[in-house]
Amino acid sequence: QQRWRVQPDHQDQDIEIVGGKYLISGNSLKAFWNAGKSTSPKLKHL
């Protein structure tokens, strides 16, 4: 509906936007984006 929203299971919960804060490997990003979530993203600090 013309805006970014959290996933339905996470409505009314406190979240933190972390986009742009870390780097992610290309392969990990591909898997994460398709699944919509990841519990082992192997992020790197900038």
All heavy atoms as atom14 arrays in JSON, in Angstrom:
{
  "sequence": "QQRWRVQPDHQDQDIEIVGGKYLISGNSLKAFWNAGKSTSPKLKHL",
  "atom14_mask": [
    [1, 1, 1, 1, 1, 1, 1, 1, 1, 0, 0, 0, 0, 0],
    [1, 1, 1, 1, 1, 1, 1, 1, 1, 0, 0, 0, 0, 0],
    [1, 1, 1, 1, 1, 1, 1, 1, 1, 1, 1, 0, 0, 0],
    [1, 1, 1, 1, 1, 1, 1, 1, 1, 1, 1, 1, 1, 1],
    [1, 1, 1, 1, 1, 1, 1, 1, 1, 1, 1, 0, 0, 0],
    [1, 1, 1, 1, 1, 1, 1, 0, 0, 0, 0, 0, 0, 0],
    [1, 1, 1, 1, 1, 1, 1, 1, 1, 0, 0, 0, 0, 0],
    [1, 1, 1, 1, 1, 1, 1, 0, 0, 0, 0, 0, 0, 0],
    [1, 1, 1, 1, 1, 1, 1, 1, 0, 0, 0, 0, 0, 0],
    [1, 1, 1, 1, 1, 1, 1, 1, 1, 1, 0, 0, 0, 0],
    [1, 1, 1, 1, 1, 1, 1, 1, 1, 0, 0, 0, 0, 0],
    [1, 1, 1, 1, 1, 1, 1, 1, 0, 0, 0, 0, 0, 0],
    [1, 1, 1, 1, 1, 1, 1, 1, 1, 0, 0, 0, 0, 0],
    [1, 1, 1, 1, 1, 1, 1, 1, 0, 0, 0, 0, 0, 0],
    [1, 1, 1, 1, 1, 1, 1, 1, 0, 0, 0, 0, 0, 0],
    [1, 1, 1, 1, 1, 1, 1, 1, 1, 0, 0, 0, 0, 0],
    [1, 1, 1, 1, 1, 1, 1, 1, 0, 0, 0, 0, 0, 0],
    [1, 1, 1, 1, 1, 1, 1, 0, 0, 0, 0, 0, 0, 0],
    [1, 1, 1, 1, 0, 0, 0, 0, 0, 0, 0, 0, 0, 0],
    [1, 1, 1, 1, 0, 0, 0, 0, 0, 0, 0, 0, 0, 0],
    [1, 1, 1, 1, 1, 1, 1, 1, 1, 0, 0, 0, 0, 0],
    [1, 1, 1, 1, 1, 1, 1, 1, 1, 1, 1, 1, 0, 0],
    [1, 1, 1, 1, 1, 1, 1, 1, 0, 0, 0, 0, 0, 0],
    [1, 1, 1, 1, 1, 1, 1, 1, 0, 0, 0, 0, 0, 0],
    [1, 1, 1, 1, 1, 1, 0, 0, 0, 0, 0, 0, 0, 0],
    [1, 1, 1, 1, 0, 0, 0, 0, 0, 0, 0, 0, 0, 0],
    [1, 1, 1, 1, 1, 1, 1, 1, 0, 0, 0, 0, 0, 0],
    [1, 1, 1, 1, 1, 1, 0, 0, 0, 0, 0, 0, 0, 0],
    [1, 1, 1, 1, 1, 1, 1, 1, 0, 0, 0, 0, 0, 0],
    [1, 1, 1, 1, 1, 1, 1, 1, 1, 0, 0, 0, 0, 0],
    [1, 1, 1, 1, 1, 0, 0, 0, 0, 0, 0, 0, 0, 0],
    [1, 1, 1, 1, 1, 1, 1, 1, 1, 1, 1, 0, 0, 0],
    [1, 1, 1, 1, 1, 1, 1, 1, 1, 1, 1, 1, 1, 1],
    [1, 1, 1, 1, 1, 1, 1, 1, 0, 0, 0, 0, 0, 0],
    [1, 1, 1, 1, 1, 0, 0, 0, 0, 0, 0, 0, 0, 0],
    [1, 1, 1, 1, 0, 0, 0, 0, 0, 0, 0, 0, 0, 0],
    [1, 1, 1, 1, 1, 1, 1, 1, 1, 0, 0, 0, 0, 0],
    [1, 1, 1, 1, 1, 1, 0, 0, 0, 0, 0, 0, 0, 0],
    [1, 1, 1, 1, 1, 1, 1, 0, 0, 0, 0, 0, 0, 0],
    [1, 1, 1, 1, 1, 1, 0, 0, 0, 0, 0, 0, 0, 0],
    [1, 1, 1, 1, 1, 1, 1, 0, 0, 0, 0, 0, 0, 0],
    [1, 1, 1, 1, 1, 1, 1, 1, 1, 0, 0, 0, 0, 0],
    [1, 1, 1, 1, 1, 1, 1, 1, 0, 0, 0, 0, 0, 0],
    [1, 1, 1, 1, 1, 1, 1, 1, 1, 0, 0, 0, 0, 0],
    [1, 1, 1, 1, 1, 1, 1, 1, 1, 1, 0, 0, 0, 0],
    [1, 1, 1, 1, 1, 1, 1, 1, 0, 0, 0, 0, 0, 0]
  ],
  "atom14_positions": [
    [[0.82, -1.21, 0.0], [0.0, 0.0, 0.0], [0.86, 1.27, 0.0], [0.7, 2.18, 0.82], [-0.97, 0.0, 1.2], [-2.01, -1.11, 1.14], [-2.99, -1.07, 2.3], [-2.76, -0.38, 3.29], [-4.07, -1.83, 2.18], [0.0, 0.0, 0.0], [0.0, 0.0, 0.0], [0.0, 0.0, 0.0], [0.0, 0.0, 0.0], [0.0, 0.0, 0.0]],
    [[1.8, 1.28, -0.93], [2.64, 2.46, -1.19], [3.56, 2.84, -0.03], [3.98, 3.99, 0.1], [1.77, 3.67, -1.56], [0.88, 3.45, -2.77], [1.69, 3.11, -4.02], [2.67, 3.79, -4.34], [1.3, 2.04, -4.71], [0.0, 0.0, 0.0], [0.0, 0.0, 0.0], [0.0, 0.0, 0.0], [0.0, 0.0, 0.0], [0.0, 0.0, 0.0]],
    [[3.91, 1.86, 0.8], [4.86, 2.16, 1.88], [5.52, 0.87, 2.34], [5.01, -0.22, 2.12], [4.17, 2.84, 3.07], [3.05, 2.01, 3.68], [2.44, 2.68, 4.9], [3.4, 2.77, 5.99], [3.09, 3.19, 7.22], [1.86, 3.58, 7.49], [4.01, 3.24, 8.16], [0.0, 0.0, 0.0], [0.0, 0.0, 0.0], [0.0, 0.0, 0.0]],
    [[6.7, 1.03, 2.97], [7.4, -0.12, 3.55], [6.77, -0.47, 4.88], [6.53, 0.41, 5.72], [8.89, 0.2, 3.73], [9.65, 0.3, 2.45], [10.12, 1.43, 1.85], [10.06, -0.79, 1.62], [10.78, 1.13, 0.68], [10.76, -0.23, 0.51], [9.88, -2.17, 1.68], [11.28, -1.02, -0.5], [10.41, -2.95, 0.66], [11.1, -2.37, -0.41]],
    [[6.54, -1.76, 5.09], [5.95, -2.23, 6.33], [6.71, -3.44, 6.86], [7.29, -4.2, 6.08], [4.48, -2.61, 6.13], [3.59, -1.47, 5.63], [2.19, -1.98, 5.34], [1.34, -0.94, 4.77], [0.58, -0.12, 5.49], [0.57, -0.23, 6.82], [-0.17, 0.8, 4.9], [0.0, 0.0, 0.0], [0.0, 0.0, 0.0], [0.0, 0.0, 0.0]],
    [[6.67, -3.63, 8.18], [7.27, -4.83, 8.76], [6.43, -6.03, 8.37], [5.27, -5.9, 7.95], [7.38, -4.73, 10.3], [8.27, -3.56, 10.69], [6.01, -4.61, 10.93], [0.0, 0.0, 0.0], [0.0, 0.0, 0.0], [0.0, 0.0, 0.0], [0.0, 0.0, 0.0], [0.0, 0.0, 0.0], [0.0, 0.0, 0.0], [0.0, 0.0, 0.0]],
    [[6.98, -7.2, 8.51], [6.26, -8.41, 8.18], [5.08, -8.6, 9.14], [5.11, -8.14, 10.29], [7.2, -9.6, 8.22], [8.34, -9.48, 7.21], [9.32, -10.63, 7.27], [9.04, -11.68, 7.84], [10.49, -10.44, 6.64], [0.0, 0.0, 0.0], [0.0, 0.0, 0.0], [0.0, 0.0, 0.0], [0.0, 0.0, 0.0], [0.0, 0.0, 0.0]],
    [[4.0, -9.26, 8.69], [2.77, -9.36, 9.5], [3.0, -9.87, 10.92], [2.33, -9.41, 11.85], [1.9, -10.33, 8.69], [2.35, -10.14, 7.27], [3.84, -9.89, 7.36], [0.0, 0.0, 0.0], [0.0, 0.0, 0.0], [0.0, 0.0, 0.0], [0.0, 0.0, 0.0], [0.0, 0.0, 0.0], [0.0, 0.0, 0.0], [0.0, 0.0, 0.0]],
    [[3.92, -10.8, 11.11], [4.16, -11.35, 12.46], [4.83, -10.35, 13.39], [4.93, -10.61, 14.6], [5.01, -12.61, 12.37], [4.28, -13.75, 11.68], [3.03, -13.68, 11.58], [4.95, -14.7, 11.23], [0.0, 0.0, 0.0], [0.0, 0.0, 0.0], [0.0, 0.0, 0.0], [0.0, 0.0, 0.0], [0.0, 0.0, 0.0], [0.0, 0.0, 0.0]],
    [[5.32, -9.23, 12.83], [6.1, -8.29, 13.64], [5.37, -6.97, 13.88], [5.98, -6.0, 14.33], [7.44, -8.01, 12.95], [8.24, -9.24, 12.7], [9.19, -9.33, 11.7], [8.24, -10.45, 13.33], [9.73, -10.54, 11.71], [9.17, -11.24, 12.69], [0.0, 0.0, 0.0], [0.0, 0.0, 0.0], [0.0, 0.0, 0.0], [0.0, 0.0, 0.0]],
    [[4.07, -6.95, 13.61], [3.31, -5.72, 13.82], [3.36, -5.3, 15.29], [3.32, -6.11, 16.21], [1.84, -5.94, 13.41], [1.65, -6.25, 11.94], [1.93, -5.04, 11.05], [1.84, -3.89, 11.5], [2.25, -5.29, 9.8], [0.0, 0.0, 0.0], [0.0, 0.0, 0.0], [0.0, 0.0, 0.0], [0.0, 0.0, 0.0], [0.0, 0.0, 0.0]],
    [[3.49, -3.97, 15.5], [3.45, -3.37, 16.85], [4.64, -3.78, 17.72], [4.57, -3.68, 18.95], [2.14, -3.71, 17.58], [0.91, -3.24, 16.82], [0.98, -2.15, 16.22], [-0.1, -3.97, 16.81], [0.0, 0.0, 0.0], [0.0, 0.0, 0.0], [0.0, 0.0, 0.0], [0.0, 0.0, 0.0], [0.0, 0.0, 0.0], [0.0, 0.0, 0.0]],
    [[5.72, -4.25, 17.12], [6.92, -4.58, 17.88], [8.0, -3.53, 17.59], [8.03, -2.93, 16.51], [7.44, -5.97, 17.51], [6.48, -7.1, 17.84], [7.1, -8.46, 17.62], [8.25, -8.71, 17.99], [6.34, -9.37, 17.0], [0.0, 0.0, 0.0], [0.0, 0.0, 0.0], [0.0, 0.0, 0.0], [0.0, 0.0, 0.0], [0.0, 0.0, 0.0]],
    [[8.86, -3.32, 18.56], [9.96, -2.37, 18.38], [11.03, -2.97, 17.49], [11.47, -4.11, 17.71], [10.58, -2.0, 19.73], [9.62, -1.2, 20.6], [8.76, -0.5, 20.02], [9.74, -1.28, 21.83], [0.0, 0.0, 0.0], [0.0, 0.0, 0.0], [0.0, 0.0, 0.0], [0.0, 0.0, 0.0], [0.0, 0.0, 0.0], [0.0, 0.0, 0.0]],
    [[11.43, -2.24, 16.49], [12.45, -2.72, 15.55], [13.53, -1.66, 15.4], [13.36, -0.51, 15.8], [11.84, -3.03, 14.16], [11.34, -1.74, 13.5], [10.73, -4.06, 14.26], [11.0, -1.89, 12.04], [0.0, 0.0, 0.0], [0.0, 0.0, 0.0], [0.0, 0.0, 0.0], [0.0, 0.0, 0.0], [0.0, 0.0, 0.0], [0.0, 0.0, 0.0]],
    [[14.63, -2.08, 14.82], [15.71, -1.15, 14.48], [16.07, -1.35, 13.0], [16.33, -2.47, 12.57], [16.95, -1.4, 15.33], [18.11, -0.46, 14.98], [19.37, -0.75, 15.78], [19.31, -1.58, 16.72], [20.42, -0.16, 15.46], [0.0, 0.0, 0.0], [0.0, 0.0, 0.0], [0.0, 0.0, 0.0], [0.0, 0.0, 0.0], [0.0, 0.0, 0.0]],
    [[16.06, -0.26, 12.24], [16.47, -0.32, 10.84], [17.99, -0.39, 10.79], [18.68, 0.46, 11.35], [15.97, 0.91, 10.06], [14.43, 0.98, 10.11], [16.45, 0.86, 8.62], [13.73, -0.17, 9.42], [0.0, 0.0, 0.0], [0.0, 0.0, 0.0], [0.0, 0.0, 0.0], [0.0, 0.0, 0.0], [0.0, 0.0, 0.0], [0.0, 0.0, 0.0]],
    [[18.52, -1.43, 10.13], [19.97, -1.62, 10.07], [20.5, -1.55, 8.64], [21.68, -1.77, 8.4], [20.38, -2.95, 10.72], [20.15, -2.9, 12.22], [19.64, -4.13, 10.09], [0.0, 0.0, 0.0], [0.0, 0.0, 0.0], [0.0, 0.0, 0.0], [0.0, 0.0, 0.0], [0.0, 0.0, 0.0], [0.0, 0.0, 0.0], [0.0, 0.0, 0.0]],
    [[19.62, -1.25, 7.68], [20.08, -1.11, 6.3], [21.12, -0.02, 6.17], [20.97, 1.07, 6.73], [0.0, 0.0, 0.0], [0.0, 0.0, 0.0], [0.0, 0.0, 0.0], [0.0, 0.0, 0.0], [0.0, 0.0, 0.0], [0.0, 0.0, 0.0], [0.0, 0.0, 0.0], [0.0, 0.0, 0.0], [0.0, 0.0, 0.0], [0.0, 0.0, 0.0]],
    [[22.19, -0.3, 5.45], [23.28, 0.65, 5.28], [24.3, 0.66, 6.39], [25.34, 1.3, 6.28], [0.0, 0.0, 0.0], [0.0, 0.0, 0.0], [0.0, 0.0, 0.0], [0.0, 0.0, 0.0], [0.0, 0.0, 0.0], [0.0, 0.0, 0.0], [0.0, 0.0, 0.0], [0.0, 0.0, 0.0], [0.0, 0.0, 0.0], [0.0, 0.0, 0.0]],
    [[24.02, -0.05, 7.47], [24.91, -0.04, 8.63], [26.01, -1.09, 8.51], [27.06, -0.97, 9.14], [24.09, -0.28, 9.9], [24.86, -0.11, 11.19], [23.94, -0.28, 12.39], [24.72, -0.13, 13.69], [23.83, -0.3, 14.88], [0.0, 0.0, 0.0], [0.0, 0.0, 0.0], [0.0, 0.0, 0.0], [0.0, 0.0, 0.0], [0.0, 0.0, 0.0]],
    [[25.77, -2.13, 7.71], [26.73, -3.23, 7.56], [26.91, -3.57, 6.09], [26.17, -3.1, 5.22], [26.22, -4.48, 8.29], [25.93, -4.3, 9.76], [24.61, -4.21, 10.22], [26.95, -4.24, 10.7], [24.33, -4.06, 11.56], [26.68, -4.09, 12.04], [25.38, -4.0, 12.47], [25.1, -3.85, 13.8], [0.0, 0.0, 0.0], [0.0, 0.0, 0.0]],
    [[27.91, -4.43, 5.83], [28.07, -5.05, 4.53], [27.62, -6.5, 4.63], [27.71, -7.12, 5.69], [29.53, -5.01, 4.07], [30.18, -3.64, 3.85], [31.59, -3.82, 3.3], [29.35, -2.77, 2.92], [0.0, 0.0, 0.0], [0.0, 0.0, 0.0], [0.0, 0.0, 0.0], [0.0, 0.0, 0.0], [0.0, 0.0, 0.0], [0.0, 0.0, 0.0]],
    [[27.14, -7.03, 3.5], [26.73, -8.42, 3.43], [27.27, -9.02, 2.14], [27.35, -8.32, 1.12], [25.18, -8.54, 3.5], [24.74, -10.0, 3.52], [24.52, -7.8, 2.35], [23.25, -10.18, 3.79], [0.0, 0.0, 0.0], [0.0, 0.0, 0.0], [0.0, 0.0, 0.0], [0.0, 0.0, 0.0], [0.0, 0.0, 0.0], [0.0, 0.0, 0.0]],
    [[27.66, -10.28, 2.18], [28.2, -10.9, 0.97], [27.1, -11.03, -0.08], [25.92, -11.14, 0.25], [28.82, -12.27, 1.28], [27.8, -13.22, 1.54], [0.0, 0.0, 0.0], [0.0, 0.0, 0.0], [0.0, 0.0, 0.0], [0.0, 0.0, 0.0], [0.0, 0.0, 0.0], [0.0, 0.0, 0.0], [0.0, 0.0, 0.0], [0.0, 0.0, 0.0]],
    [[27.5, -11.04, -1.34], [26.53, -11.13, -2.42], [25.69, -12.38, -2.34], [24.46, -12.35, -2.53], [0.0, 0.0, 0.0], [0.0, 0.0, 0.0], [0.0, 0.0, 0.0], [0.0, 0.0, 0.0], [0.0, 0.0, 0.0], [0.0, 0.0, 0.0], [0.0, 0.0, 0.0], [0.0, 0.0, 0.0], [0.0, 0.0, 0.0], [0.0, 0.0, 0.0]],
    [[26.3, -13.52, -2.05], [25.56, -14.78, -1.96], [24.58, -14.78, -0.79], [23.45, -15.25, -0.89], [26.52, -15.96, -1.84], [27.27, -16.22, -3.13], [26.74, -16.0, -4.21], [28.51, -16.69, -3.02], [0.0, 0.0, 0.0], [0.0, 0.0, 0.0], [0.0, 0.0, 0.0], [0.0, 0.0, 0.0], [0.0, 0.0, 0.0], [0.0, 0.0, 0.0]],
    [[25.02, -14.22, 0.36], [24.15, -14.16, 1.53], [22.96, -13.24, 1.27], [21.83, -13.52, 1.69], [24.92, -13.68, 2.76], [25.91, -14.63, 3.13], [0.0, 0.0, 0.0], [0.0, 0.0, 0.0], [0.0, 0.0, 0.0], [0.0, 0.0, 0.0], [0.0, 0.0, 0.0], [0.0, 0.0, 0.0], [0.0, 0.0, 0.0], [0.0, 0.0, 0.0]],
    [[23.21, -12.13, 0.57], [22.13, -11.19, 0.26], [21.08, -11.85, -0.63], [19.87, -11.68, -0.42], [22.69, -9.95, -0.43], [21.65, -8.94, -0.92], [20.83, -8.4, 0.24], [22.32, -7.8, -1.69], [0.0, 0.0, 0.0], [0.0, 0.0, 0.0], [0.0, 0.0, 0.0], [0.0, 0.0, 0.0], [0.0, 0.0, 0.0], [0.0, 0.0, 0.0]],
    [[21.53, -12.62, -1.59], [20.61, -13.29, -2.51], [19.68, -14.24, -1.74], [18.46, -14.24, -1.93], [21.4, -14.04, -3.56], [20.62, -14.53, -4.74], [21.55, -15.15, -5.77], [20.85, -15.48, -7.06], [21.77, -16.08, -8.06], [0.0, 0.0, 0.0], [0.0, 0.0, 0.0], [0.0, 0.0, 0.0], [0.0, 0.0, 0.0], [0.0, 0.0, 0.0]],
    [[20.27, -15.04, -0.86], [19.47, -15.99, -0.08], [18.53, -15.27, 0.88], [17.36, -15.64, 1.04], [20.39, -16.94, 0.67], [0.0, 0.0, 0.0], [0.0, 0.0, 0.0], [0.0, 0.0, 0.0], [0.0, 0.0, 0.0], [0.0, 0.0, 0.0], [0.0, 0.0, 0.0], [0.0, 0.0, 0.0], [0.0, 0.0, 0.0], [0.0, 0.0, 0.0]],
    [[19.05, -14.22, 1.53], [18.23, -13.46, 2.49], [17.06, -12.78, 1.79], [15.93, -12.81, 2.29], [19.11, -12.42, 3.19], [18.34, -11.28, 3.8], [17.5, -11.48, 4.87], [18.45, -9.99, 3.28], [16.78, -10.43, 5.42], [17.74, -8.94, 3.82], [16.9, -9.16, 4.9], [0.0, 0.0, 0.0], [0.0, 0.0, 0.0], [0.0, 0.0, 0.0]],
    [[17.3, -12.17, 0.64], [16.25, -11.41, -0.03], [15.12, -12.34, -0.5], [13.94, -11.97, -0.44], [16.83, -10.64, -1.21], [16.02, -9.42, -1.55], [15.2, -9.23, -2.62], [15.98, -8.21, -0.79], [14.64, -7.98, -2.57], [15.1, -7.33, -1.46], [16.58, -7.79, 0.39], [14.82, -6.05, -0.98], [16.31, -6.52, 0.87], [15.44, -5.68, 0.18]],
    [[15.48, -13.53, -0.94], [14.46, -14.48, -1.37], [13.64, -15.01, -0.2], [12.43, -15.2, -0.3], [15.11, -15.64, -2.12], [15.65, -15.23, -3.48], [15.13, -14.3, -4.08], [16.66, -15.92, -3.95], [0.0, 0.0, 0.0], [0.0, 0.0, 0.0], [0.0, 0.0, 0.0], [0.0, 0.0, 0.0], [0.0, 0.0, 0.0], [0.0, 0.0, 0.0]],
    [[14.31, -15.24, 0.94], [13.62, -15.8, 2.1], [12.9, -14.74, 2.94], [11.95, -15.05, 3.65], [14.62, -16.56, 2.98], [0.0, 0.0, 0.0], [0.0, 0.0, 0.0], [0.0, 0.0, 0.0], [0.0, 0.0, 0.0], [0.0, 0.0, 0.0], [0.0, 0.0, 0.0], [0.0, 0.0, 0.0], [0.0, 0.0, 0.0], [0.0, 0.0, 0.0]],
    [[13.38, -13.5, 2.88], [12.78, -12.43, 3.66], [13.32, -12.33, 5.06], [12.98, -11.4, 5.81], [0.0, 0.0, 0.0], [0.0, 0.0, 0.0], [0.0, 0.0, 0.0], [0.0, 0.0, 0.0], [0.0, 0.0, 0.0], [0.0, 0.0, 0.0], [0.0, 0.0, 0.0], [0.0, 0.0, 0.0], [0.0, 0.0, 0.0], [0.0, 0.0, 0.0]],
    [[14.19, -13.27, 5.45], [14.79, -13.23, 6.78], [16.06, -14.07, 6.79], [16.28, -14.9, 5.89], [13.83, -13.76, 7.84], [13.48, -15.23, 7.67], [12.54, -15.69, 8.78], [12.21, -17.18, 8.62], [11.31, -17.66, 9.7], [0.0, 0.0, 0.0], [0.0, 0.0, 0.0], [0.0, 0.0, 0.0], [0.0, 0.0, 0.0], [0.0, 0.0, 0.0]],
    [[16.89, -13.85, 7.81], [18.1, -14.66, 7.98], [18.52, -14.62, 9.43], [18.48, -13.57, 10.07], [19.24, -14.13, 7.09], [20.43, -14.88, 7.33], [0.0, 0.0, 0.0], [0.0, 0.0, 0.0], [0.0, 0.0, 0.0], [0.0, 0.0, 0.0], [0.0, 0.0, 0.0], [0.0, 0.0, 0.0], [0.0, 0.0, 0.0], [0.0, 0.0, 0.0]],
    [[18.91, -15.79, 9.96], [19.42, -15.87, 11.32], [20.92, -16.1, 11.34], [21.5, -16.31, 12.41], [18.71, -16.99, 12.1], [18.86, -18.23, 11.38], [17.22, -16.69, 12.25], [0.0, 0.0, 0.0], [0.0, 0.0, 0.0], [0.0, 0.0, 0.0], [0.0, 0.0, 0.0], [0.0, 0.0, 0.0], [0.0, 0.0, 0.0], [0.0, 0.0, 0.0]],
    [[21.54, -16.07, 10.16], [23.0, -16.2, 10.08], [23.52, -15.4, 8.88], [24.07, -15.98, 7.95], [23.4, -17.67, 9.95], [22.77, -18.26, 8.82], [0.0, 0.0, 0.0], [0.0, 0.0, 0.0], [0.0, 0.0, 0.0], [0.0, 0.0, 0.0], [0.0, 0.0, 0.0], [0.0, 0.0, 0.0], [0.0, 0.0, 0.0], [0.0, 0.0, 0.0]],
    [[23.3, -14.08, 8.88], [23.63, -13.28, 7.7], [25.12, -13.04, 7.49], [25.54, -12.63, 6.42], [22.91, -11.96, 7.98], [22.84, -11.88, 9.47], [22.67, -13.29, 9.94], [0.0, 0.0, 0.0], [0.0, 0.0, 0.0], [0.0, 0.0, 0.0], [0.0, 0.0, 0.0], [0.0, 0.0, 0.0], [0.0, 0.0, 0.0], [0.0, 0.0, 0.0]],
    [[25.95, -13.28, 8.54], [27.41, -13.07, 8.43], [27.73, -11.66, 7.94], [28.42, -11.47, 6.94], [28.04, -14.13, 7.52], [27.88, -15.55, 8.03], [28.54, -16.56, 7.11], [28.36, -17.97, 7.65], [28.97, -19.0, 6.75], [0.0, 0.0, 0.0], [0.0, 0.0, 0.0], [0.0, 0.0, 0.0], [0.0, 0.0, 0.0], [0.0, 0.0, 0.0]],
    [[27.19, -10.7, 8.66], [27.4, -9.3, 8.31], [28.79, -8.84, 8.7], [29.42, -9.4, 9.59], [26.35, -8.42, 8.99], [24.88, -8.77, 8.73], [23.97, -7.88, 9.56], [24.56, -8.65, 7.25], [0.0, 0.0, 0.0], [0.0, 0.0, 0.0], [0.0, 0.0, 0.0], [0.0, 0.0, 0.0], [0.0, 0.0, 0.0], [0.0, 0.0, 0.0]],
    [[29.26, -7.8, 8.03], [30.56, -7.2, 8.34], [30.35, -5.72, 8.65], [29.53, -5.04, 8.03], [31.52, -7.32, 7.15], [31.87, -8.74, 6.76], [32.84, -9.36, 7.74], [33.35, -10.71, 7.23], [34.27, -11.36, 8.2], [0.0, 0.0, 0.0], [0.0, 0.0, 0.0], [0.0, 0.0, 0.0], [0.0, 0.0, 0.0], [0.0, 0.0, 0.0]],
    [[31.12, -5.22, 9.62], [31.13, -3.78, 9.87], [31.67, -3.06, 8.64], [32.45, -3.63, 7.86], [32.0, -3.44, 11.08], [31.4, -3.86, 12.39], [30.34, -3.19, 12.97], [31.71, -4.87, 13.23], [30.03, -3.77, 14.11], [30.84, -4.8, 14.29], [0.0, 0.0, 0.0], [0.0, 0.0, 0.0], [0.0, 0.0, 0.0], [0.0, 0.0, 0.0]],
    [[31.26, -1.82, 8.42], [31.81, -1.04, 7.32], [33.32, -0.97, 7.49], [33.81, -0.52, 8.53], [31.19, 0.36, 7.3], [29.67, 0.42, 7.15], [29.2, 1.87, 7.13], [29.2, -0.31, 5.9], [0.0, 0.0, 0.0], [0.0, 0.0, 0.0], [0.0, 0.0, 0.0], [0.0, 0.0, 0.0], [0.0, 0.0, 0.0], [0.0, 0.0, 0.0]]
  ]
}
